[in-house]
Protein backbone atom coordinates (compact mmCIF):
# COMPACT_ATOMS: atom_id res chain seq x y z
CA MET A 1 144.59 107.35 132.77
CA SER A 2 141.17 108.64 133.77
CA THR A 3 139.03 107.62 136.67
CA GLN A 4 135.32 106.93 136.83
CA ASN A 5 134.78 108.20 140.37
CA SER A 6 131.51 110.02 140.92
CA LEU A 7 130.47 112.56 143.50
CA PRO A 8 127.15 113.91 144.73
CA LYS A 9 125.74 116.28 142.15
CA CYS A 10 125.84 119.98 142.94
CA ILE A 11 122.57 121.39 144.16
CA ILE A 12 123.40 125.10 143.91
CA ALA A 13 122.49 125.38 140.22
CA ARG A 14 122.40 122.93 137.39
CA ALA A 15 123.80 124.96 134.50
CA GLY A 16 127.33 123.96 133.66
CA GLY A 17 127.66 121.52 136.49
CA PHE A 18 125.88 118.34 135.56
CA PHE A 19 127.94 117.33 132.55
CA ILE A 20 131.14 118.41 134.27
CA ALA A 21 130.19 116.37 137.32
CA LEU A 22 129.57 113.28 135.19
CA ALA A 23 132.81 113.54 133.24
CA ALA A 24 135.79 111.38 134.11
CA VAL A 25 138.40 112.77 136.44
CA LEU A 26 136.36 115.65 137.81
CA SER A 27 135.24 116.68 141.23
CA GLY A 28 133.67 120.08 140.84
CA CYS A 29 130.58 121.74 139.50
CA ALA A 30 130.41 125.04 137.66
CA THR A 31 127.35 127.11 138.44
CA THR A 32 125.94 130.29 137.02
CA GLN A 33 124.41 133.05 139.11
CA SER A 34 122.88 136.40 138.12
CA THR A 35 125.65 138.74 139.24
CA SER A 36 128.94 139.67 137.61
CA THR A 37 131.48 138.99 140.36
CA PRO A 38 134.48 136.71 139.67
CA ALA A 39 134.33 132.95 140.00
CA HIS A 40 135.40 131.46 143.30
CA ILE A 41 135.94 128.04 144.83
CA GLU A 42 134.18 126.74 147.91
CA ILE A 43 134.80 123.44 149.66
CA GLN A 44 131.66 121.33 149.30
CA GLU A 45 132.54 118.08 151.00
CA LYS A 46 135.64 116.24 152.08
CA VAL A 47 136.23 114.93 148.57
CA GLY A 48 134.57 117.64 146.52
CA PHE A 49 134.27 121.32 145.85
CA THR A 50 131.96 123.73 144.12
CA ILE A 51 133.06 126.30 141.60
CA THR A 52 130.64 129.19 141.38
CA GLU A 53 130.93 131.18 138.18
CA GLU A 54 128.90 134.34 138.51
CA VAL A 55 128.02 136.20 135.31
CA ARG A 56 124.98 137.81 133.75
CA ILE A 57 123.28 135.64 131.14
CA SER A 58 119.84 135.71 129.60
CA SER A 59 117.16 133.17 130.45
CA GLY A 60 117.33 131.93 126.85
CA VAL A 61 121.05 131.17 127.14
CA ARG A 62 120.42 129.38 130.43
CA THR A 63 117.64 127.30 128.87
CA ASP A 64 119.78 126.41 125.86
CA TYR A 65 122.61 125.45 128.20
CA ASP A 66 120.38 123.09 130.18
CA THR A 67 119.02 121.59 126.96
CA ALA A 68 122.52 121.05 125.56
CA LEU A 69 123.57 119.23 128.71
CA ASP A 70 120.43 117.10 128.55
CA TYR A 71 121.32 116.12 124.97
CA LEU A 72 124.85 115.15 126.01
CA GLU A 73 123.60 113.10 128.94
CA GLN A 74 121.20 111.32 126.60
CA GLY A 75 124.00 110.47 124.18
CA ARG A 76 122.78 112.96 121.56
CA HIS A 77 126.31 114.29 121.16
CA GLU A 78 126.01 116.10 117.84
CA GLU A 79 122.95 118.03 118.99
CA GLY A 80 124.47 118.74 122.39
CA ILE A 81 127.75 119.96 120.97
CA ALA A 82 126.03 122.16 118.37
CA LEU A 83 123.84 123.81 120.99
CA LEU A 84 126.74 124.22 123.43
CA GLU A 85 128.72 125.93 120.67
CA ALA A 86 125.87 128.40 120.23
CA VAL A 87 125.73 128.99 123.99
CA ALA A 88 129.48 129.49 124.21
CA ASP A 89 129.43 131.94 121.30
CA GLY A 90 126.53 133.83 122.87
CA ALA A 91 128.13 134.03 126.33
CA PRO A 92 131.89 134.22 125.73
CA GLN A 93 132.49 135.49 129.25
CA LEU A 94 131.28 132.17 130.68
CA SER A 95 133.94 129.45 130.83
CA ALA A 96 131.71 126.49 131.82
CA PRO A 97 130.22 125.90 128.33
CA ARG A 98 133.72 125.79 126.85
CA ILE A 99 134.79 123.29 129.50
CA ASP A 100 131.75 121.14 128.75
CA LEU A 101 132.58 121.37 125.06
CA GLY A 102 136.13 120.29 125.82
CA ILE A 103 134.79 117.28 127.70
CA ALA A 104 132.26 116.47 124.98
CA TYR A 105 134.82 116.65 122.17
CA HIS A 106 137.26 114.62 124.25
CA ARG A 107 134.67 111.90 124.72
CA ALA A 108 133.94 112.03 120.98
CA GLY A 109 137.64 111.47 120.24
CA ASP A 110 138.33 114.94 118.81
CA LEU A 111 141.29 115.94 120.97
CA GLU A 112 142.11 118.98 118.85
CA ALA A 113 138.66 120.49 119.33
CA ALA A 114 138.78 119.55 123.01
CA GLU A 115 142.06 121.40 123.45
CA THR A 116 140.78 124.45 121.57
CA ASN A 117 137.72 124.78 123.79
CA LEU A 118 139.58 124.22 127.03
CA LEU A 119 142.12 126.88 126.08
CA MET A 120 139.26 129.25 125.30
CA ALA A 121 137.78 128.51 128.72
CA LEU A 122 141.10 129.42 130.31
CA GLU A 123 141.21 132.67 128.37
CA SER A 124 138.03 133.78 130.12
CA ASN A 125 138.88 132.16 133.46
CA PRO A 126 142.62 131.39 133.86
CA ASP A 127 142.10 130.07 137.39
CA HIS A 128 139.61 127.30 136.62
CA PRO A 129 141.14 124.07 137.99
CA ILE A 130 138.77 121.79 136.08
CA ALA A 131 139.81 123.33 132.77
CA HIS A 132 143.49 122.85 133.62
CA ASN A 133 142.90 119.26 134.69
CA GLU A 134 140.91 118.38 131.58
CA LEU A 135 143.55 120.00 129.42
CA GLY A 136 146.16 117.86 131.15
CA ILE A 137 144.22 114.73 130.20
CA VAL A 138 144.01 115.88 126.59
CA TYR A 139 147.73 116.63 126.51
CA ARG A 140 148.55 113.25 128.02
CA LYS A 141 146.43 111.46 125.43
CA SER A 142 148.14 113.50 122.73
CA GLY A 143 151.57 112.40 123.97
CA ARG A 144 152.48 115.88 125.25
CA ILE A 145 153.61 114.68 128.64
CA THR A 146 155.47 117.79 129.78
CA GLU A 147 152.46 119.97 129.01
CA ALA A 148 150.18 117.50 130.77
CA ARG A 149 152.28 117.78 133.92
CA GLN A 150 152.20 121.56 133.74
CA SER A 151 148.42 121.54 133.40
CA TYR A 152 147.88 119.23 136.37
CA GLU A 153 150.28 121.31 138.45
CA ALA A 154 148.44 124.48 137.41
CA ALA A 155 145.16 122.97 138.63
CA LEU A 156 146.76 122.04 141.94
CA GLU A 157 148.36 125.43 142.38
CA ILE A 158 144.89 126.95 142.18
CA TYR A 159 143.26 124.34 144.40
CA PRO A 160 145.67 121.94 146.16
CA GLY A 161 142.78 119.79 147.36
CA TYR A 162 141.67 118.91 143.83
CA HIS A 163 142.17 115.19 144.32
CA TYR A 164 141.49 114.04 140.76
CA ALA A 165 144.23 116.33 139.45
CA ARG A 166 146.45 115.02 142.24
CA ARG A 167 145.76 111.43 141.18
CA ASN A 168 146.29 112.23 137.51
CA LEU A 169 149.64 113.85 138.26
CA ALA A 170 150.69 110.85 140.34
CA VAL A 171 149.81 108.46 137.50
CA LEU A 172 151.66 110.65 135.01
CA CYS A 173 154.79 110.74 137.16
CA ASP A 174 154.59 106.99 137.76
CA LEU A 175 153.81 105.60 134.31
CA TYR A 176 155.00 108.29 131.90
CA LEU A 177 157.84 110.14 133.61
CA ALA A 178 159.32 107.40 135.83
CA ASP A 179 159.52 110.00 138.58
CA LEU A 180 158.76 107.80 141.56
CA SER A 181 159.27 110.50 144.17
CA CYS A 182 156.74 112.73 142.42
CA ALA A 183 154.35 109.81 142.05
CA LEU A 184 154.60 108.81 145.72
CA GLU A 185 154.21 112.38 146.96
CA ASN A 186 151.06 112.92 144.92
CA TYR A 187 149.52 109.51 145.59
CA GLU A 188 149.95 110.10 149.31
CA ALA A 189 148.44 113.58 149.06
CA TYR A 190 145.55 112.10 147.09
CA MET A 191 145.00 109.33 149.64
CA ALA A 192 144.93 111.87 152.45
CA THR A 193 141.65 113.04 150.91
CA VAL A 194 140.33 109.87 149.28
CA THR A 195 141.12 107.21 151.85
CA SER A 196 139.05 104.44 150.26
CA ASP A 197 140.89 104.08 146.93
CA ASP A 198 142.32 100.56 147.26
CA GLU A 199 143.94 100.71 143.82
CA ALA A 200 145.91 103.83 144.72
CA ALA A 201 146.89 102.25 148.04
CA MET A 202 148.40 99.30 146.14
CA TRP A 203 150.29 101.67 143.86
CA ILE A 204 151.76 103.43 146.88
CA THR A 205 152.97 100.10 148.26
CA ASP A 206 154.49 99.20 144.90
CA ILE A 207 156.29 102.52 144.57
CA ARG A 208 157.66 102.30 148.10
CA THR A 209 158.99 98.85 147.27
CA ARG A 210 160.67 100.15 144.12
CA LEU A 211 162.16 103.01 146.11
CA GLY A 212 163.47 100.56 148.70
CA GLN A 213 161.37 102.02 151.50
């Protein structure tokens, strides 16, 4: 299950963040700066966070990246994917283009290519919660439920406040694993951050009823 929640767009830098921010089940934005220090996570708002990925890239790569994201946002998926592939090949140290490719291929229905790109993103940045969460979605859609759970849990180990991963794990435990305790624990943790999700609130009530609480 994926959600269609949206958050305010990141204003730090556009590269890598816009398409990620528009994708289902995401709450963060990847940004690119001009230094070569490791990526880090900063809390942006109560229900969001910013991932800053700091690497050295050329102005041409940055321009191509922006153009590729524009193509994807316009529905020009083949052009966007082709240009993102070129960007990712030209800047292999940058994980955000691979994550965007994973999202783009996922939305195009090519789960194998989505998985490949997300795994490549994690090779360059093993602690990227968005990559782990997106990989969990791909695994779940591929019927690899155990691996999906591991991916969601990996995202939450990195950033426990990542509420979309928390919600996805709760849904997985509820509908696919019949682990009601896991589902309740994660729905409640999710609702502690996103208090206005009426659907999740109903699921919590239903699970408590099934648990006899």
